[in-house]
Amino acid sequence: MKIIIYADGGSRGNPGPAAIGVILIDEKGRVIKEYAEKIGRATNNEAEYEAVIFGLQKAKLLFGRRKIKTMEVQVRMDSEFVIKQLNGKYKILDRRIEQLFLKTWNLKVDFGEVKFVYISRNENIEADRLVNKALGSKRISQGLPGI
């Protein structure tokens, strides 16, 4: 089984109020779930990482620990910086980013295979729309809300 996670994060100000947009899609292109969540104050890069983490956590909750061990997950996002760090091409110099990287890496171990793929902004329009939707709302997410 293959799952595609479209992830995006953004902040108004850098740092500033931040949000994430995440879409989980099955191998046939059907949307499984969409999420638009405020995450509090963060930089753009922190929000991008938070979107990846949130997407992996949601996949784990939706499919369960046993099933995800056999799954192929592809995380697609338009942050070249984050993708290159997750693929080992860029060094991590910031302590907060290092913590988010490690959290992502520890989640990745639970899955059969995880690929991090850079896509253009035009290919990530829906996840970006969810970020902007969340930034326009007044609610701030606390942890992982219910599925």
C-alpha atoms as a PDB file:
ATOM      1  CA  MET A   1       0.000   0.000   0.000  1.00  0.00           C
ATOM      2  CA  LYS A   2       1.206   3.489  -0.853  1.00  0.00           C
ATOM      3  CA  ILE A   3       0.189   6.775   0.755  1.00  0.00           C
ATOM      4  CA  ILE A   4       1.100  10.235  -0.464  1.00  0.00           C
ATOM      5  CA  ILE A   5       1.266  13.071   2.034  1.00  0.00           C
ATOM      6  CA  TYR A   6       1.165  16.596   0.659  1.00  0.00           C
ATOM      7  CA  ALA A   7       2.527  18.877   3.374  1.00  0.00           C
ATOM      8  CA  ASP A   8       2.942  22.623   3.655  1.00  0.00           C
ATOM      9  CA  GLY A   9       3.678  25.024   6.451  1.00  0.00           C
ATOM     10  CA  GLY A  10       3.851  28.758   6.650  1.00  0.00           C
ATOM     11  CA  SER A  11       4.001  31.702   8.983  1.00  0.00           C
ATOM     12  CA  ARG A  12       2.860  35.286   8.826  1.00  0.00           C
ATOM     13  CA  GLY A  13       6.093  36.895   9.852  1.00  0.00           C
ATOM     14  CA  ASN A  14       9.225  34.901  10.369  1.00  0.00           C
ATOM     15  CA  PRO A  15       8.671  33.919  13.139  1.00  0.00           C
ATOM     16  CA  GLY A  16       4.990  34.660  13.519  1.00  0.00           C
ATOM     17  CA  PRO A  17       1.589  33.028  13.682  1.00  0.00           C
ATOM     18  CA  ALA A  18       2.023  29.728  11.839  1.00  0.00           C
ATOM     19  CA  ALA A  19      -0.069  26.922  10.405  1.00  0.00           C
ATOM     20  CA  ILE A  20       0.163  23.660   8.530  1.00  0.00           C
ATOM     21  CA  GLY A  21      -1.790  22.057   5.731  1.00  0.00           C
ATOM     22  CA  VAL A  22      -1.665  18.292   5.207  1.00  0.00           C
ATOM     23  CA  ILE A  23      -3.452  16.052   2.721  1.00  0.00           C
ATOM     24  CA  LEU A  24      -3.262  12.245   2.827  1.00  0.00           C
ATOM     25  CA  ILE A  25      -3.991  10.536  -0.485  1.00  0.00           C
ATOM     26  CA  ASP A  26      -4.196   6.833  -1.324  1.00  0.00           C
ATOM     27  CA  GLU A  27      -2.424   5.114  -4.213  1.00  0.00           C
ATOM     28  CA  LYS A  28      -5.454   5.692  -6.484  1.00  0.00           C
ATOM     29  CA  GLY A  29      -5.381   9.436  -5.904  1.00  0.00           C
ATOM     30  CA  ARG A  30      -8.347   9.580  -3.535  1.00  0.00           C
ATOM     31  CA  VAL A  31      -8.189  12.010  -0.626  1.00  0.00           C
ATOM     32  CA  ILE A  32      -8.218  10.153   2.686  1.00  0.00           C
ATOM     33  CA  LYS A  33      -8.036  13.176   5.011  1.00  0.00           C
ATOM     34  CA  GLU A  34      -7.249  16.885   4.925  1.00  0.00           C
ATOM     35  CA  TYR A  35      -6.014  18.953   7.848  1.00  0.00           C
ATOM     36  CA  ALA A  36      -5.621  22.704   8.350  1.00  0.00           C
ATOM     37  CA  GLU A  37      -4.214  23.577  11.778  1.00  0.00           C
ATOM     38  CA  LYS A  38      -2.702  26.574  13.516  1.00  0.00           C
ATOM     39  CA  ILE A  39       0.475  25.629  15.366  1.00  0.00           C
ATOM     40  CA  GLY A  40       1.216  28.833  17.264  1.00  0.00           C
ATOM     41  CA  ARG A  41       4.333  30.921  16.671  1.00  0.00           C
ATOM     42  CA  ALA A  42       7.022  29.499  14.378  1.00  0.00           C
ATOM     43  CA  THR A  43       9.337  30.281  11.489  1.00  0.00           C
ATOM     44  CA  ASN A  44       8.465  29.146   7.972  1.00  0.00           C
ATOM     45  CA  ASN A  45      10.983  26.284   8.139  1.00  0.00           C
ATOM     46  CA  GLU A  46       9.697  25.141  11.531  1.00  0.00           C
ATOM     47  CA  ALA A  47       6.139  25.139  10.165  1.00  0.00           C
ATOM     48  CA  GLU A  48       7.252  23.077   7.155  1.00  0.00           C
ATOM     49  CA  TYR A  49       8.790  20.457   9.475  1.00  0.00           C
ATOM     50  CA  GLU A  50       5.706  20.491  11.700  1.00  0.00           C
ATOM     51  CA  ALA A  51       3.589  19.702   8.627  1.00  0.00           C
ATOM     52  CA  VAL A  52       5.737  16.647   7.816  1.00  0.00           C
ATOM     53  CA  ILE A  53       5.602  15.458  11.426  1.00  0.00           C
ATOM     54  CA  PHE A  54       1.838  15.984  11.619  1.00  0.00           C
ATOM     55  CA  GLY A  55       1.301  14.076   8.348  1.00  0.00           C
ATOM     56  CA  LEU A  56       3.373  11.100   9.483  1.00  0.00           C
ATOM     57  CA  GLN A  57       1.670  11.051  12.878  1.00  0.00           C
ATOM     58  CA  LYS A  58      -1.769  11.115  11.259  1.00  0.00           C
ATOM     59  CA  ALA A  59      -0.853   8.288   8.880  1.00  0.00           C
ATOM     60  CA  LYS A  60       0.343   6.261  11.860  1.00  0.00           C
ATOM     61  CA  LEU A  61      -2.912   6.920  13.751  1.00  0.00           C
ATOM     62  CA  LEU A  62      -5.126   6.206  10.745  1.00  0.00           C
ATOM     63  CA  PHE A  63      -3.494   2.933   9.691  1.00  0.00           C
ATOM     64  CA  GLY A  64      -1.981   1.606  12.901  1.00  0.00           C
ATOM     65  CA  ARG A  65       1.536   0.596  13.873  1.00  0.00           C
ATOM     66  CA  ARG A  66       1.392  -2.859  12.260  1.00  0.00           C
ATOM     67  CA  LYS A  67       0.087  -1.739   8.863  1.00  0.00           C
ATOM     68  CA  ILE A  68       2.452   1.204   8.469  1.00  0.00           C
ATOM     69  CA  LYS A  69       5.426  -1.163   8.737  1.00  0.00           C
ATOM     70  CA  THR A  70       4.472  -2.475   5.276  1.00  0.00           C
ATOM     71  CA  MET A  71       3.497   0.864   3.735  1.00  0.00           C
ATOM     72  CA  GLU A  72       5.333   3.071   1.307  1.00  0.00           C
ATOM     73  CA  VAL A  73       4.863   6.723   2.171  1.00  0.00           C
ATOM     74  CA  GLN A  74       5.859   9.587  -0.044  1.00  0.00           C
ATOM     75  CA  VAL A  75       5.944  13.025   1.567  1.00  0.00           C
ATOM     76  CA  ARG A  76       5.688  15.746  -1.055  1.00  0.00           C
ATOM     77  CA  MET A  77       6.311  19.400  -0.295  1.00  0.00           C
ATOM     78  CA  ASP A  78       7.496  22.608  -1.913  1.00  0.00           C
ATOM     79  CA  SER A  79      10.192  23.411   0.663  1.00  0.00           C
ATOM     80  CA  GLU A  80      13.416  22.543  -1.095  1.00  0.00           C
ATOM     81  CA  PHE A  81      15.318  23.441   2.086  1.00  0.00           C
ATOM     82  CA  VAL A  82      13.444  20.913   4.266  1.00  0.00           C
ATOM     83  CA  ILE A  83      13.481  18.182   1.607  1.00  0.00           C
ATOM     84  CA  LYS A  84      17.231  18.553   1.112  1.00  0.00           C
ATOM     85  CA  GLN A  85      17.801  18.370   4.875  1.00  0.00           C
ATOM     86  CA  LEU A  86      15.587  15.284   5.201  1.00  0.00           C
ATOM     87  CA  ASN A  87      17.440  13.648   2.303  1.00  0.00           C
ATOM     88  CA  GLY A  88      20.856  14.419   3.864  1.00  0.00           C
ATOM     89  CA  LYS A  89      21.955  17.001   1.276  1.00  0.00           C
ATOM     90  CA  TYR A  90      21.928  20.070   3.561  1.00  0.00           C
ATOM     91  CA  LYS A  91      23.472  20.343   7.007  1.00  0.00           C
ATOM     92  CA  ILE A  92      21.308  21.331   9.948  1.00  0.00           C
ATOM     93  CA  LEU A  93      22.753  24.302  11.786  1.00  0.00           C
ATOM     94  CA  ASP A  94      19.787  25.506  13.849  1.00  0.00           C
ATOM     95  CA  ARG A  95      19.017  23.768  17.163  1.00  0.00           C
ATOM     96  CA  ARG A  96      15.218  23.976  16.826  1.00  0.00           C
ATOM     97  CA  ILE A  97      15.364  22.610  13.264  1.00  0.00           C
ATOM     98  CA  GLU A  98      17.662  19.828  14.477  1.00  0.00           C
ATOM     99  CA  GLN A  99      15.036  18.810  17.057  1.00  0.00           C
ATOM    100  CA  LEU A 100      12.301  18.780  14.394  1.00  0.00           C
ATOM    101  CA  PHE A 101      14.554  16.787  12.048  1.00  0.00           C
ATOM    102  CA  LEU A 102      15.167  14.182  14.771  1.00  0.00           C
ATOM    103  CA  LYS A 103      11.469  13.950  15.551  1.00  0.00           C
ATOM    104  CA  THR A 104      10.758  13.386  11.845  1.00  0.00           C
ATOM    105  CA  TRP A 105      13.534  10.807  11.579  1.00  0.00           C
ATOM    106  CA  ASN A 106      12.259   8.896  14.621  1.00  0.00           C
ATOM    107  CA  LEU A 107       8.760   8.786  13.094  1.00  0.00           C
ATOM    108  CA  LYS A 108      10.160   7.639   9.751  1.00  0.00           C
ATOM    109  CA  VAL A 109      11.581   4.496  11.380  1.00  0.00           C
ATOM    110  CA  ASP A 110       8.033   3.261  12.118  1.00  0.00           C
ATOM    111  CA  PHE A 111       7.152   3.053   8.420  1.00  0.00           C
ATOM    112  CA  GLY A 112       8.176   0.496   5.812  1.00  0.00           C
ATOM    113  CA  GLU A 113       9.574   3.149   3.491  1.00  0.00           C
ATOM    114  CA  VAL A 114       9.390   6.929   3.512  1.00  0.00           C
ATOM    115  CA  LYS A 115      10.532   9.112   0.630  1.00  0.00           C
ATOM    116  CA  PHE A 116      10.786  12.888   0.831  1.00  0.00           C
ATOM    117  CA  VAL A 117      10.102  14.489  -2.543  1.00  0.00           C
ATOM    118  CA  TYR A 118      10.408  18.116  -3.592  1.00  0.00           C
ATOM    119  CA  ILE A 119       7.544  19.412  -5.746  1.00  0.00           C
ATOM    120  CA  SER A 120       6.807  22.842  -7.191  1.00  0.00           C
ATOM    121  CA  ARG A 121       4.418  25.246  -5.501  1.00  0.00           C
ATOM    122  CA  ASN A 122       1.982  24.669  -8.353  1.00  0.00           C
ATOM    123  CA  GLU A 123       1.846  20.994  -7.381  1.00  0.00           C
ATOM    124  CA  ASN A 124       1.202  21.836  -3.725  1.00  0.00           C
ATOM    125  CA  ILE A 125      -1.626  24.354  -4.136  1.00  0.00           C
ATOM    126  CA  GLU A 126      -4.149  22.423  -2.040  1.00  0.00           C
ATOM    127  CA  ALA A 127      -1.858  22.033   0.972  1.00  0.00           C
ATOM    128  CA  ASP A 128      -0.988  25.736   0.695  1.00  0.00           C
ATOM    129  CA  ARG A 129      -4.708  26.561   0.588  1.00  0.00           C
ATOM    130  CA  LEU A 130      -5.150  24.652   3.856  1.00  0.00           C
ATOM    131  CA  VAL A 131      -2.310  26.627   5.491  1.00  0.00           C
ATOM    132  CA  ASN A 132      -3.946  29.894   4.497  1.00  0.00           C
ATOM    133  CA  LYS A 133      -7.336  28.631   5.639  1.00  0.00           C
ATOM    134  CA  ALA A 134      -5.894  27.833   9.075  1.00  0.00           C
ATOM    135  CA  LEU A 135      -4.100  31.167   9.325  1.00  0.00           C
ATOM    136  CA  GLY A 136      -7.390  32.886   8.592  1.00  0.00           C
ATOM    137  CA  SER A 137      -9.190  31.056  11.386  1.00  0.00           C
ATOM    138  CA  LYS A 138      -9.125  31.904  15.085  1.00  0.00           C
ATOM    139  CA  ARG A 139      -8.638  28.359  16.468  1.00  0.00           C
ATOM    140  CA  ILE A 140      -5.186  27.192  17.578  1.00  0.00           C
ATOM    141  CA  SER A 141      -4.580  23.457  17.588  1.00  0.00           C
ATOM    142  CA  GLN A 142      -3.247  21.912  20.789  1.00  0.00           C
ATOM    143  CA  GLY A 143      -1.312  18.762  19.973  1.00  0.00           C
ATOM    144  CA  LEU A 144      -2.930  16.256  17.627  1.00  0.00           C
ATOM    145  CA  PRO A 145      -6.678  16.791  17.365  1.00  0.00           C
ATOM    146  CA  GLY A 146      -8.960  13.793  16.787  1.00  0.00           C
ATOM    147  CA  ILE A 147      -8.884  12.060  13.448  1.00  0.00           C
END
